[in-house]
């Protein structure tokens, strides 16, 4: 029996998703981005959070720059990733405007650490999670560097995956320790991911334990 080459499958899908996004007409992309932004802003978790953790979008990603500006205007704190040199880890830094950003790791806009404050408490925050693709269980296909995988493994807040409808897949390859998002937002809908059987059992056990504690 031939063994699947998961790495090759992921790389092929990454290229497919990049090609799909690059082929999207600019006006179509702008409309989809605006619809996704409105979908996020309508969420109770977004409306009640104090701090928004979000990536700063590149040209082929769902736009987050307008979301950042509108969050700041509404009085929310906004923190964005800063990749730590020599590692595959990142910290988040508060920004006051897009002027606090400069091109850095892989050419991505990151906060200028010397003039921004590092996030040390993520309480009452939500995190906007990037992905080239997501599946119906909330698992993501990233760029393969592992920065967000490491961050999400220790993040306990509400996680929102933003993605174009055309980049949703039934099932993506993922590892045991990969962390799914809590909600998916596309230009057409807001969708709660389906729990995998093992995770559903674990969630039910946790709910049962909590119920017994209250009795």
N, C-alpha and C. Protein backbone atom coordinates (compact mmCIF):
# COMPACT_ATOMS: atom_id res chain seq x y z
N UNK A 1 0.85 -1.20 0.00
CA UNK A 1 0.00 0.00 0.00
C UNK A 1 0.88 1.24 0.00
N UNK A 2 0.63 2.17 -0.92
CA UNK A 2 1.44 3.36 -1.01
C UNK A 2 1.15 4.32 0.13
N UNK A 3 2.20 4.88 0.69
CA UNK A 3 2.06 5.84 1.79
C UNK A 3 1.80 7.23 1.22
N UNK A 4 0.82 7.95 1.79
CA UNK A 4 0.50 9.30 1.32
C UNK A 4 1.63 10.25 1.66
N UNK A 5 1.94 11.13 0.73
CA UNK A 5 2.92 12.17 0.97
C UNK A 5 2.16 13.43 1.37
N UNK A 6 1.92 13.57 2.69
CA UNK A 6 1.11 14.67 3.20
C UNK A 6 1.75 16.02 2.89
N UNK A 7 3.08 16.07 2.99
CA UNK A 7 3.77 17.33 2.74
C UNK A 7 3.55 17.79 1.30
N UNK A 8 3.64 16.86 0.36
CA UNK A 8 3.42 17.20 -1.05
C UNK A 8 1.98 17.62 -1.28
N UNK A 9 1.03 16.94 -0.63
CA UNK A 9 -0.38 17.29 -0.76
C UNK A 9 -0.63 18.71 -0.27
N UNK A 10 -0.04 19.04 0.88
CA UNK A 10 -0.23 20.38 1.45
C UNK A 10 0.36 21.45 0.54
N UNK A 11 1.56 21.17 0.03
CA UNK A 11 2.21 22.16 -0.85
C UNK A 11 1.41 22.39 -2.13
N UNK A 12 0.86 21.30 -2.67
CA UNK A 12 0.06 21.43 -3.89
C UNK A 12 -1.21 22.24 -3.61
N UNK A 13 -1.83 22.00 -2.44
CA UNK A 13 -3.04 22.73 -2.09
C UNK A 13 -2.72 24.19 -1.80
N UNK A 14 -1.58 24.44 -1.16
CA UNK A 14 -1.17 25.83 -0.92
C UNK A 14 -1.07 26.59 -2.25
N UNK A 15 -0.43 25.97 -3.23
CA UNK A 15 -0.28 26.63 -4.52
C UNK A 15 -1.62 26.85 -5.18
N UNK A 16 -2.51 25.87 -5.06
CA UNK A 16 -3.85 25.98 -5.64
C UNK A 16 -4.61 27.15 -5.01
N UNK A 17 -4.52 27.29 -3.69
CA UNK A 17 -5.22 28.36 -2.98
C UNK A 17 -4.63 29.72 -3.32
N UNK A 18 -3.31 29.79 -3.47
CA UNK A 18 -2.67 31.05 -3.86
C UNK A 18 -3.09 31.46 -5.27
N UNK A 19 -3.14 30.48 -6.18
CA UNK A 19 -3.54 30.77 -7.56
C UNK A 19 -5.00 31.26 -7.59
N UNK A 20 -5.86 30.62 -6.79
CA UNK A 20 -7.26 31.03 -6.73
C UNK A 20 -7.38 32.48 -6.28
N UNK A 21 -6.63 32.85 -5.28
CA UNK A 21 -6.70 34.21 -4.74
C UNK A 21 -6.11 35.23 -5.72
N UNK A 22 -4.99 34.88 -6.33
CA UNK A 22 -4.37 35.80 -7.29
C UNK A 22 -5.24 36.01 -8.52
N UNK A 23 -6.06 35.01 -8.85
CA UNK A 23 -6.92 35.13 -10.01
C UNK A 23 -8.22 35.86 -9.75
N UNK A 24 -8.44 36.29 -8.52
CA UNK A 24 -9.68 36.97 -8.16
C UNK A 24 -9.62 38.44 -8.60
N UNK A 25 -10.56 38.91 -9.40
CA UNK A 25 -10.57 40.33 -9.79
C UNK A 25 -10.60 41.23 -8.56
N UNK A 26 -9.92 42.36 -8.62
CA UNK A 26 -9.77 43.23 -7.46
C UNK A 26 -11.11 43.69 -6.89
N UNK A 27 -12.07 44.03 -7.76
CA UNK A 27 -13.37 44.48 -7.28
C UNK A 27 -14.13 43.36 -6.58
N UNK A 28 -13.99 42.15 -7.10
CA UNK A 28 -14.63 40.99 -6.47
C UNK A 28 -14.02 40.76 -5.09
N UNK A 29 -12.69 40.85 -5.03
CA UNK A 29 -12.00 40.66 -3.75
C UNK A 29 -12.43 41.71 -2.73
N UNK A 30 -12.53 42.96 -3.16
CA UNK A 30 -12.94 44.03 -2.25
C UNK A 30 -14.33 43.76 -1.66
N UNK A 31 -15.25 43.28 -2.49
CA UNK A 31 -16.60 42.99 -2.02
C UNK A 31 -16.60 41.82 -1.04
N UNK A 32 -15.84 40.79 -1.35
CA UNK A 32 -15.75 39.64 -0.45
C UNK A 32 -15.11 40.06 0.88
N UNK A 33 -14.04 40.85 0.80
CA UNK A 33 -13.36 41.31 2.02
C UNK A 33 -14.31 42.11 2.91
N UNK A 34 -15.09 42.99 2.29
CA UNK A 34 -16.02 43.82 3.05
C UNK A 34 -17.10 42.96 3.71
N UNK A 35 -17.58 41.94 3.00
CA UNK A 35 -18.61 41.06 3.55
C UNK A 35 -18.06 40.27 4.73
N UNK A 36 -16.82 39.80 4.61
CA UNK A 36 -16.20 39.06 5.71
C UNK A 36 -15.98 39.98 6.91
N UNK A 37 -15.54 41.19 6.64
CA UNK A 37 -15.32 42.15 7.75
C UNK A 37 -16.63 42.42 8.48
N UNK A 38 -17.72 42.62 7.75
CA UNK A 38 -19.01 42.85 8.39
C UNK A 38 -19.44 41.62 9.20
N UNK A 39 -19.17 40.44 8.66
CA UNK A 39 -19.51 39.21 9.37
C UNK A 39 -18.81 39.11 10.71
N UNK A 40 -17.53 39.49 10.74
CA UNK A 40 -16.77 39.48 11.99
C UNK A 40 -17.34 40.52 12.96
N UNK A 41 -17.60 41.70 12.46
CA UNK A 41 -18.06 42.80 13.32
C UNK A 41 -19.44 42.55 13.91
N UNK A 42 -20.21 41.67 13.29
CA UNK A 42 -21.55 41.34 13.80
C UNK A 42 -21.50 40.31 14.92
N UNK A 43 -20.36 39.67 15.12
CA UNK A 43 -20.26 38.63 16.14
C UNK A 43 -20.30 39.22 17.54
N UNK A 44 -21.03 38.56 18.43
CA UNK A 44 -21.08 38.99 19.83
C UNK A 44 -19.69 38.96 20.45
N UNK A 45 -18.91 37.94 20.10
CA UNK A 45 -17.57 37.82 20.69
C UNK A 45 -16.68 39.00 20.28
N UNK A 46 -16.85 39.46 19.05
CA UNK A 46 -16.07 40.62 18.61
C UNK A 46 -16.58 41.89 19.29
N UNK A 47 -17.88 42.06 19.33
CA UNK A 47 -18.45 43.29 19.86
C UNK A 47 -18.13 43.49 21.34
N UNK A 48 -18.00 42.38 22.09
CA UNK A 48 -17.78 42.49 23.53
C UNK A 48 -16.31 42.37 23.94
N UNK A 49 -15.44 42.10 23.01
CA UNK A 49 -14.02 41.94 23.39
C UNK A 49 -13.38 43.31 23.60
N UNK A 50 -12.33 43.31 24.44
CA UNK A 50 -11.55 44.54 24.65
C UNK A 50 -10.40 44.63 23.66
N UNK A 51 -9.84 43.46 23.31
CA UNK A 51 -8.64 43.43 22.47
C UNK A 51 -8.84 42.52 21.27
N UNK A 52 -8.43 43.02 20.11
CA UNK A 52 -8.47 42.24 18.87
C UNK A 52 -7.04 41.83 18.51
N UNK A 53 -6.81 40.54 18.44
CA UNK A 53 -5.54 40.01 17.95
C UNK A 53 -5.75 39.63 16.49
N UNK A 54 -4.96 40.17 15.60
CA UNK A 54 -5.16 39.87 14.19
C UNK A 54 -3.86 39.94 13.41
N UNK A 55 -3.79 39.16 12.35
CA UNK A 55 -2.66 39.26 11.43
C UNK A 55 -2.86 40.50 10.57
N UNK A 56 -1.78 40.98 9.98
CA UNK A 56 -1.85 42.09 9.03
C UNK A 56 -1.80 41.47 7.64
N UNK A 57 -2.84 41.66 6.88
CA UNK A 57 -3.00 40.93 5.63
C UNK A 57 -1.99 41.31 4.55
N UNK A 58 -1.64 40.31 3.74
CA UNK A 58 -0.86 40.51 2.52
C UNK A 58 -1.86 40.65 1.37
N UNK A 59 -1.41 41.00 0.18
CA UNK A 59 -2.35 41.23 -0.93
C UNK A 59 -3.24 40.05 -1.29
N UNK A 60 -2.81 38.80 -1.04
CA UNK A 60 -3.65 37.67 -1.43
C UNK A 60 -4.52 37.17 -0.28
N UNK A 61 -4.43 37.79 0.88
CA UNK A 61 -5.21 37.35 2.03
C UNK A 61 -6.48 38.19 2.17
N UNK A 62 -7.42 37.67 2.96
CA UNK A 62 -8.60 38.46 3.32
C UNK A 62 -8.10 39.73 4.01
N UNK A 63 -8.56 40.87 3.54
CA UNK A 63 -8.07 42.14 4.08
C UNK A 63 -8.40 42.31 5.55
N UNK A 64 -7.39 42.67 6.35
CA UNK A 64 -7.63 42.96 7.76
C UNK A 64 -7.31 44.42 8.10
N UNK A 65 -6.76 45.17 7.16
CA UNK A 65 -6.35 46.54 7.47
C UNK A 65 -7.55 47.43 7.80
N UNK A 66 -8.64 47.27 7.05
CA UNK A 66 -9.85 48.04 7.34
C UNK A 66 -10.43 47.61 8.69
N UNK A 67 -10.37 46.31 8.98
CA UNK A 67 -10.85 45.81 10.27
C UNK A 67 -10.04 46.42 11.41
N UNK A 68 -8.72 46.48 11.24
CA UNK A 68 -7.85 47.07 12.25
C UNK A 68 -8.21 48.54 12.48
N UNK A 69 -8.36 49.28 11.41
CA UNK A 69 -8.65 50.71 11.55
C UNK A 69 -10.00 50.94 12.21
N UNK A 70 -11.00 50.15 11.83
CA UNK A 70 -12.33 50.33 12.41
C UNK A 70 -12.37 49.88 13.86
N UNK A 71 -11.59 48.84 14.20
CA UNK A 71 -11.52 48.41 15.61
C UNK A 71 -10.90 49.49 16.47
N UNK A 72 -9.83 50.10 15.98
CA UNK A 72 -9.18 51.18 16.72
C UNK A 72 -10.11 52.37 16.88
N UNK A 73 -10.84 52.70 15.83
CA UNK A 73 -11.78 53.82 15.89
C UNK A 73 -12.90 53.58 16.89
N UNK A 74 -13.26 52.32 17.09
CA UNK A 74 -14.35 51.98 18.02
C UNK A 74 -13.87 51.89 19.47
N UNK A 75 -12.56 52.08 19.68
CA UNK A 75 -12.03 52.07 21.04
C UNK A 75 -11.42 50.75 21.49
N UNK A 76 -11.36 49.76 20.59
CA UNK A 76 -10.73 48.49 20.96
C UNK A 76 -9.21 48.61 20.89
N UNK A 77 -8.52 47.80 21.68
CA UNK A 77 -7.08 47.66 21.53
C UNK A 77 -6.82 46.65 20.42
N UNK A 78 -5.79 46.88 19.64
CA UNK A 78 -5.44 45.96 18.55
C UNK A 78 -3.98 45.56 18.70
N UNK A 79 -3.74 44.25 18.64
CA UNK A 79 -2.37 43.73 18.73
C UNK A 79 -2.12 42.82 17.53
N UNK A 80 -0.93 42.93 16.95
CA UNK A 80 -0.59 42.16 15.75
C UNK A 80 0.74 41.42 15.96
N UNK A 81 1.00 40.38 15.16
CA UNK A 81 2.15 39.51 15.40
C UNK A 81 3.50 40.15 15.06
N UNK A 82 4.49 39.76 15.89
CA UNK A 82 5.89 40.10 15.67
C UNK A 82 6.67 38.80 15.78
N UNK A 83 7.28 38.37 14.67
CA UNK A 83 8.01 37.10 14.64
C UNK A 83 9.36 37.25 15.35
N UNK A 84 9.66 36.32 16.25
CA UNK A 84 10.88 36.37 17.04
C UNK A 84 12.02 35.78 16.23
N UNK A 85 13.08 36.55 16.04
CA UNK A 85 14.22 36.12 15.22
C UNK A 85 14.80 34.79 15.71
N UNK A 86 15.13 33.92 14.76
CA UNK A 86 15.78 32.66 15.08
C UNK A 86 14.86 31.60 15.64
N UNK A 87 13.55 31.86 15.66
CA UNK A 87 12.58 30.90 16.18
C UNK A 87 11.41 30.80 15.21
N UNK A 88 10.46 29.94 15.54
CA UNK A 88 9.19 29.88 14.81
C UNK A 88 8.07 30.33 15.75
N UNK A 89 8.39 31.28 16.60
CA UNK A 89 7.42 31.80 17.55
C UNK A 89 7.18 33.29 17.31
N UNK A 90 6.09 33.78 17.86
CA UNK A 90 5.77 35.19 17.69
C UNK A 90 5.13 35.75 18.94
N UNK A 91 5.34 37.03 19.16
CA UNK A 91 4.65 37.79 20.20
C UNK A 91 3.67 38.73 19.51
N UNK A 92 2.75 39.27 20.29
CA UNK A 92 1.84 40.28 19.75
C UNK A 92 2.15 41.62 20.40
N UNK A 93 2.08 42.68 19.60
CA UNK A 93 2.32 44.03 20.08
C UNK A 93 1.12 44.91 19.74
N UNK A 94 0.76 45.78 20.69
CA UNK A 94 -0.30 46.73 20.44
C UNK A 94 0.15 47.76 19.40
N UNK A 95 -0.76 48.14 18.53
CA UNK A 95 -0.48 49.24 17.60
C UNK A 95 -1.56 50.30 17.76
N UNK A 96 -1.21 51.53 17.48
CA UNK A 96 -2.17 52.64 17.56
C UNK A 96 -2.70 53.01 16.19
N UNK A 97 -1.98 52.62 15.14
CA UNK A 97 -2.41 52.85 13.77
C UNK A 97 -1.56 51.99 12.85
N UNK A 98 -1.91 51.98 11.57
CA UNK A 98 -1.11 51.21 10.60
C UNK A 98 0.28 51.82 10.42
N UNK A 99 0.47 53.05 10.88
CA UNK A 99 1.78 53.70 10.80
C UNK A 99 2.79 53.05 11.74
N UNK A 100 2.32 52.23 12.68
CA UNK A 100 3.22 51.53 13.60
C UNK A 100 3.79 50.26 12.98
N UNK A 101 3.50 50.01 11.70
CA UNK A 101 3.92 48.79 11.03
C UNK A 101 5.04 49.06 10.03
N UNK A 102 5.88 48.03 9.82
CA UNK A 102 6.94 48.11 8.81
C UNK A 102 7.20 46.70 8.28
N UNK A 103 7.61 46.57 7.00
CA UNK A 103 7.91 45.24 6.45
C UNK A 103 9.03 44.56 7.21
N UNK A 104 8.84 43.26 7.50
CA UNK A 104 9.88 42.55 8.24
C UNK A 104 9.94 41.10 7.77
N UNK A 105 9.59 40.12 8.60
CA UNK A 105 9.74 38.71 8.27
C UNK A 105 8.93 38.34 7.03
N UNK A 106 9.61 37.79 6.01
CA UNK A 106 8.98 37.40 4.74
C UNK A 106 8.30 38.57 4.06
N UNK A 107 8.70 39.81 4.41
CA UNK A 107 8.11 41.00 3.80
C UNK A 107 6.76 41.39 4.38
N UNK A 108 6.32 40.67 5.44
CA UNK A 108 5.01 40.94 6.05
C UNK A 108 5.12 42.16 6.96
N UNK A 109 4.07 42.97 7.00
CA UNK A 109 4.05 44.11 7.90
C UNK A 109 3.95 43.64 9.34
N UNK A 110 4.88 44.13 10.18
CA UNK A 110 4.90 43.78 11.59
C UNK A 110 5.05 45.06 12.41
N UNK A 111 4.68 45.01 13.69
CA UNK A 111 4.83 46.21 14.52
C UNK A 111 6.29 46.56 14.72
N UNK A 112 6.57 47.85 14.79
CA UNK A 112 7.92 48.32 15.11
C UNK A 112 8.05 48.19 16.64
N UNK A 113 8.75 47.15 17.08
CA UNK A 113 8.76 46.80 18.50
C UNK A 113 9.27 47.93 19.39
N UNK A 114 10.19 48.74 18.87
CA UNK A 114 10.79 49.79 19.68
C UNK A 114 9.78 50.85 20.11
N UNK A 115 8.69 50.99 19.38
CA UNK A 115 7.72 52.02 19.75
C UNK A 115 6.33 51.44 20.05
N UNK A 116 6.25 50.13 20.17
CA UNK A 116 4.97 49.49 20.48
C UNK A 116 5.09 48.68 21.78
N UNK A 117 3.96 48.55 22.46
CA UNK A 117 3.92 47.81 23.73
C UNK A 117 3.58 46.34 23.48
N UNK A 118 4.32 45.46 24.13
CA UNK A 118 4.10 44.02 23.97
C UNK A 118 2.86 43.58 24.75
N UNK A 119 2.05 42.74 24.12
CA UNK A 119 0.88 42.17 24.77
C UNK A 119 1.33 41.13 25.80
N UNK A 120 0.88 41.28 27.03
CA UNK A 120 1.24 40.31 28.08
C UNK A 120 0.01 39.63 28.66
N UNK A 121 -1.17 40.17 28.40
CA UNK A 121 -2.41 39.60 28.94
C UNK A 121 -3.46 39.60 27.84
N UNK A 122 -3.85 38.41 27.40
CA UNK A 122 -4.82 38.28 26.31
C UNK A 122 -6.24 38.08 26.82
N UNK A 123 -6.49 38.45 28.06
CA UNK A 123 -7.82 38.29 28.62
C UNK A 123 -8.84 39.14 27.86
N UNK A 124 -10.02 38.59 27.67
CA UNK A 124 -11.13 39.23 26.93
C UNK A 124 -10.69 39.71 25.55
N UNK A 125 -10.03 38.79 24.84
CA UNK A 125 -9.61 39.08 23.46
C UNK A 125 -10.22 38.05 22.52
N UNK A 126 -10.23 38.39 21.24
CA UNK A 126 -10.53 37.41 20.19
C UNK A 126 -9.37 37.44 19.21
N UNK A 127 -9.14 36.33 18.55
CA UNK A 127 -8.01 36.23 17.62
C UNK A 127 -8.52 35.91 16.23
N UNK A 128 -8.16 36.76 15.27
CA UNK A 128 -8.46 36.51 13.87
C UNK A 128 -7.33 35.66 13.30
N UNK A 129 -7.69 34.49 12.82
CA UNK A 129 -6.68 33.50 12.40
C UNK A 129 -6.61 33.42 10.88
N UNK A 130 -5.40 33.54 10.33
CA UNK A 130 -5.25 33.43 8.87
C UNK A 130 -5.21 31.98 8.41
N UNK A 131 -5.47 31.77 7.15
CA UNK A 131 -5.34 30.43 6.59
C UNK A 131 -5.53 30.50 5.09
N UNK A 132 -4.74 29.75 4.35
CA UNK A 132 -4.95 29.66 2.91
C UNK A 132 -6.23 28.88 2.62
N UNK A 133 -6.54 27.94 3.53
CA UNK A 133 -7.77 27.17 3.43
C UNK A 133 -8.17 26.73 4.83
N UNK A 134 -9.45 26.45 5.01
CA UNK A 134 -9.96 25.86 6.25
C UNK A 134 -10.86 24.71 5.87
N UNK A 135 -11.05 23.76 6.80
CA UNK A 135 -11.99 22.69 6.53
C UNK A 135 -13.20 22.80 7.46
N UNK A 136 -14.16 21.90 7.29
CA UNK A 136 -15.42 22.00 8.02
C UNK A 136 -15.26 21.75 9.51
N UNK A 137 -14.08 21.26 9.92
CA UNK A 137 -13.81 21.05 11.33
C UNK A 137 -13.04 22.21 11.96
N UNK A 138 -12.76 23.24 11.15
CA UNK A 138 -12.07 24.40 11.68
C UNK A 138 -10.56 24.35 11.62
N UNK A 139 -10.02 23.28 11.02
CA UNK A 139 -8.56 23.19 10.89
C UNK A 139 -8.11 24.00 9.67
N UNK A 140 -6.90 24.51 9.75
CA UNK A 140 -6.42 25.44 8.74
C UNK A 140 -5.22 24.88 7.97
N UNK A 141 -5.06 25.40 6.78
CA UNK A 141 -3.83 25.19 6.02
C UNK A 141 -3.11 26.52 6.01
N UNK A 142 -1.98 26.58 6.70
CA UNK A 142 -1.20 27.80 6.76
C UNK A 142 -0.12 27.81 5.69
N UNK A 143 0.90 28.60 5.94
CA UNK A 143 1.99 28.73 4.97
C UNK A 143 3.12 27.75 5.24
N UNK A 144 2.99 26.96 6.29
CA UNK A 144 3.97 25.90 6.55
C UNK A 144 5.10 26.28 7.48
N UNK A 145 5.05 27.47 8.07
CA UNK A 145 6.13 27.90 8.96
C UNK A 145 5.86 27.58 10.43
N UNK A 146 4.59 27.42 10.79
CA UNK A 146 4.25 26.97 12.14
C UNK A 146 4.09 28.06 13.20
N UNK A 147 4.18 29.33 12.81
CA UNK A 147 4.07 30.41 13.81
C UNK A 147 2.72 30.38 14.51
N UNK A 148 1.65 30.34 13.74
CA UNK A 148 0.33 30.37 14.36
C UNK A 148 0.01 29.07 15.07
N UNK A 149 0.50 27.94 14.57
CA UNK A 149 0.26 26.67 15.25
C UNK A 149 0.80 26.72 16.68
N UNK A 150 1.99 27.26 16.83
CA UNK A 150 2.59 27.36 18.16
C UNK A 150 1.83 28.35 19.04
N UNK A 151 1.44 29.47 18.46
CA UNK A 151 0.73 30.46 19.25
C UNK A 151 -0.64 29.93 19.70
N UNK A 152 -1.39 29.33 18.78
CA UNK A 152 -2.74 28.87 19.11
C UNK A 152 -2.74 27.75 20.14
N UNK A 153 -1.65 26.99 20.22
CA UNK A 153 -1.59 25.89 21.19
C UNK A 153 -1.66 26.42 22.63
N UNK A 154 -1.33 27.69 22.83
CA UNK A 154 -1.38 28.25 24.17
C UNK A 154 -2.40 29.36 24.34
N UNK A 155 -3.18 29.61 23.30
CA UNK A 155 -4.16 30.70 23.35
C UNK A 155 -5.52 30.15 23.75
N UNK A 156 -6.15 30.75 24.76
CA UNK A 156 -7.41 30.23 25.28
C UNK A 156 -8.62 31.08 24.90
N UNK A 157 -8.41 32.16 24.15
CA UNK A 157 -9.52 33.02 23.75
C UNK A 157 -10.28 32.47 22.56
N UNK A 158 -11.24 33.26 22.08
CA UNK A 158 -12.09 32.86 20.97
C UNK A 158 -11.35 33.07 19.65
N UNK A 159 -11.35 32.04 18.81
CA UNK A 159 -10.57 32.04 17.58
C UNK A 159 -11.51 32.07 16.37
N UNK A 160 -11.29 33.06 15.49
CA UNK A 160 -12.13 33.25 14.32
C UNK A 160 -11.30 33.07 13.05
N UNK A 161 -11.63 32.10 12.25
CA UNK A 161 -10.95 31.90 10.97
C UNK A 161 -11.67 32.67 9.88
N UNK A 162 -10.95 33.51 9.16
CA UNK A 162 -11.57 34.25 8.05
C UNK A 162 -11.02 33.69 6.73
N UNK A 163 -11.92 33.42 5.81
CA UNK A 163 -11.51 32.71 4.59
C UNK A 163 -12.56 32.91 3.51
N UNK A 164 -12.13 32.88 2.27
CA UNK A 164 -13.07 32.95 1.16
C UNK A 164 -13.80 31.61 1.03
N UNK A 165 -15.06 31.69 0.62
CA UNK A 165 -15.86 30.48 0.47
C UNK A 165 -15.19 29.48 -0.45
N UNK A 166 -14.52 29.98 -1.48
CA UNK A 166 -13.85 29.10 -2.43
C UNK A 166 -12.62 28.40 -1.88
N UNK A 167 -12.22 28.76 -0.66
CA UNK A 167 -11.05 28.14 -0.03
C UNK A 167 -11.44 27.22 1.13
N UNK A 168 -12.73 26.89 1.21
CA UNK A 168 -13.18 25.91 2.20
C UNK A 168 -13.06 24.51 1.61
N UNK A 169 -12.64 23.58 2.45
CA UNK A 169 -12.50 22.19 2.03
C UNK A 169 -13.20 21.28 3.02
N UNK A 170 -13.60 20.10 2.56
CA UNK A 170 -14.27 19.15 3.45
C UNK A 170 -13.34 18.69 4.58
N UNK A 171 -12.12 18.35 4.20
CA UNK A 171 -11.18 17.82 5.20
C UNK A 171 -9.75 18.16 4.79
N UNK A 172 -8.99 18.71 5.72
CA UNK A 172 -7.58 19.00 5.49
C UNK A 172 -6.74 18.10 6.38
N UNK A 173 -5.55 17.71 5.91
CA UNK A 173 -4.67 16.93 6.78
C UNK A 173 -4.23 17.78 7.97
N UNK A 174 -4.25 17.19 9.16
CA UNK A 174 -3.82 17.92 10.35
C UNK A 174 -3.25 16.95 11.36
N UNK A 175 -2.48 17.50 12.29
CA UNK A 175 -1.87 16.69 13.34
C UNK A 175 -2.72 16.67 14.60
N UNK A 176 -2.37 15.77 15.52
CA UNK A 176 -3.12 15.59 16.76
C UNK A 176 -3.18 16.88 17.57
N UNK A 177 -2.08 17.64 17.56
CA UNK A 177 -1.99 18.83 18.40
C UNK A 177 -2.45 20.11 17.68
N UNK A 178 -2.87 20.01 16.44
CA UNK A 178 -3.36 21.19 15.73
C UNK A 178 -4.64 21.69 16.40
N UNK A 179 -4.79 23.00 16.46
CA UNK A 179 -5.92 23.62 17.15
C UNK A 179 -6.89 24.20 16.12
N UNK A 180 -8.15 23.75 16.14
CA UNK A 180 -9.14 24.32 15.20
C UNK A 180 -9.65 25.67 15.71
N UNK A 181 -10.18 26.47 14.81
CA UNK A 181 -10.80 27.73 15.22
C UNK A 181 -12.20 27.45 15.78
N UNK A 182 -12.76 28.43 16.47
CA UNK A 182 -14.08 28.28 17.07
C UNK A 182 -15.20 28.66 16.11
N UNK A 183 -14.86 29.48 15.12
CA UNK A 183 -15.88 29.93 14.17
C UNK A 183 -15.21 30.30 12.85
N UNK A 184 -15.88 30.00 11.75
CA UNK A 184 -15.41 30.39 10.43
C UNK A 184 -16.30 31.48 9.88
N UNK A 185 -15.69 32.50 9.28
CA UNK A 185 -16.45 33.57 8.63
C UNK A 185 -16.00 33.67 7.19
N UNK A 186 -16.94 33.49 6.27
CA UNK A 186 -16.68 33.68 4.85
C UNK A 186 -17.53 34.85 4.36
N UNK A 187 -17.44 35.15 3.08
CA UNK A 187 -18.25 36.23 2.54
C UNK A 187 -19.73 35.86 2.47
N UNK A 188 -20.06 34.58 2.69
CA UNK A 188 -21.44 34.13 2.58
C UNK A 188 -22.08 33.73 3.90
N UNK A 189 -21.26 33.36 4.89
CA UNK A 189 -21.84 32.81 6.11
C UNK A 189 -20.87 32.84 7.29
N UNK A 190 -21.46 32.64 8.46
CA UNK A 190 -20.68 32.40 9.67
C UNK A 190 -20.98 30.98 10.10
N UNK A 191 -19.95 30.18 10.25
CA UNK A 191 -20.15 28.74 10.42
C UNK A 191 -19.36 28.21 11.61
N UNK A 192 -20.06 27.52 12.50
CA UNK A 192 -19.39 26.86 13.61
C UNK A 192 -18.86 25.52 13.13
N UNK A 193 -17.56 25.25 13.30
CA UNK A 193 -16.99 24.00 12.79
C UNK A 193 -17.60 22.76 13.45
N UNK A 194 -17.60 21.66 12.73
CA UNK A 194 -18.06 20.38 13.26
C UNK A 194 -16.95 19.77 14.10
N UNK A 195 -17.32 19.30 15.29
CA UNK A 195 -16.32 18.65 16.13
C UNK A 195 -16.03 17.25 15.60
N UNK A 196 -14.76 16.87 15.60
CA UNK A 196 -14.39 15.50 15.27
C UNK A 196 -14.85 14.60 16.41
N UNK A 197 -15.12 13.30 16.15
CA UNK A 197 -15.64 12.40 17.19
C UNK A 197 -14.83 12.42 18.49
N UNK A 198 -13.50 12.36 18.38
CA UNK A 198 -12.66 12.34 19.59
C UNK A 198 -12.79 13.64 20.36
N UNK A 199 -12.80 14.77 19.64
CA UNK A 199 -12.92 16.06 20.30
C UNK A 199 -14.32 16.26 20.85
N UNK A 200 -15.35 15.70 20.14
CA UNK A 200 -16.71 15.80 20.63
C UNK A 200 -16.85 15.05 21.95
N UNK A 201 -16.23 13.86 22.04
CA UNK A 201 -16.27 13.07 23.26
C UNK A 201 -15.59 13.82 24.40
N UNK A 202 -14.45 14.42 24.10
CA UNK A 202 -13.72 15.18 25.12
C UNK A 202 -14.53 16.37 25.59
N UNK A 203 -15.21 17.07 24.66
CA UNK A 203 -16.04 18.22 25.02
C UNK A 203 -17.22 17.76 25.89
N UNK A 204 -17.84 16.63 25.54
CA UNK A 204 -18.97 16.12 26.32
C UNK A 204 -18.53 15.74 27.72
N UNK A 205 -17.35 15.13 27.83
CA UNK A 205 -16.83 14.76 29.15
C UNK A 205 -16.58 15.99 29.99
N UNK A 206 -16.05 17.04 29.36
CA UNK A 206 -15.78 18.29 30.09
C UNK A 206 -17.09 18.93 30.55
N UNK A 207 -18.11 18.92 29.66
CA UNK A 207 -19.41 19.49 30.03
C UNK A 207 -20.04 18.69 31.16
N UNK A 208 -19.90 17.36 31.11
CA UNK A 208 -20.46 16.51 32.15
C UNK A 208 -19.80 16.77 33.50
N UNK A 209 -18.46 16.91 33.46
CA UNK A 209 -17.72 17.19 34.69
C UNK A 209 -18.12 18.52 35.29
N UNK A 210 -18.31 19.51 34.42
CA UNK A 210 -18.70 20.85 34.88
C UNK A 210 -20.10 20.80 35.49
N UNK A 211 -21.00 19.99 34.88
CA UNK A 211 -22.36 19.87 35.39
C UNK A 211 -22.37 19.24 36.77
N UNK A 212 -21.55 18.21 36.98
CA UNK A 212 -21.47 17.54 38.28
C UNK A 212 -20.92 18.48 39.35
N UNK A 213 -19.99 19.34 38.93
CA UNK A 213 -19.39 20.30 39.87
C UNK A 213 -20.44 21.28 40.36
N UNK A 214 -21.39 21.65 39.49
CA UNK A 214 -22.41 22.62 39.86
C UNK A 214 -23.47 22.01 40.77
N UNK A 215 -23.64 20.66 40.72
CA UNK A 215 -24.68 20.00 41.51
C UNK A 215 -24.32 19.95 42.98
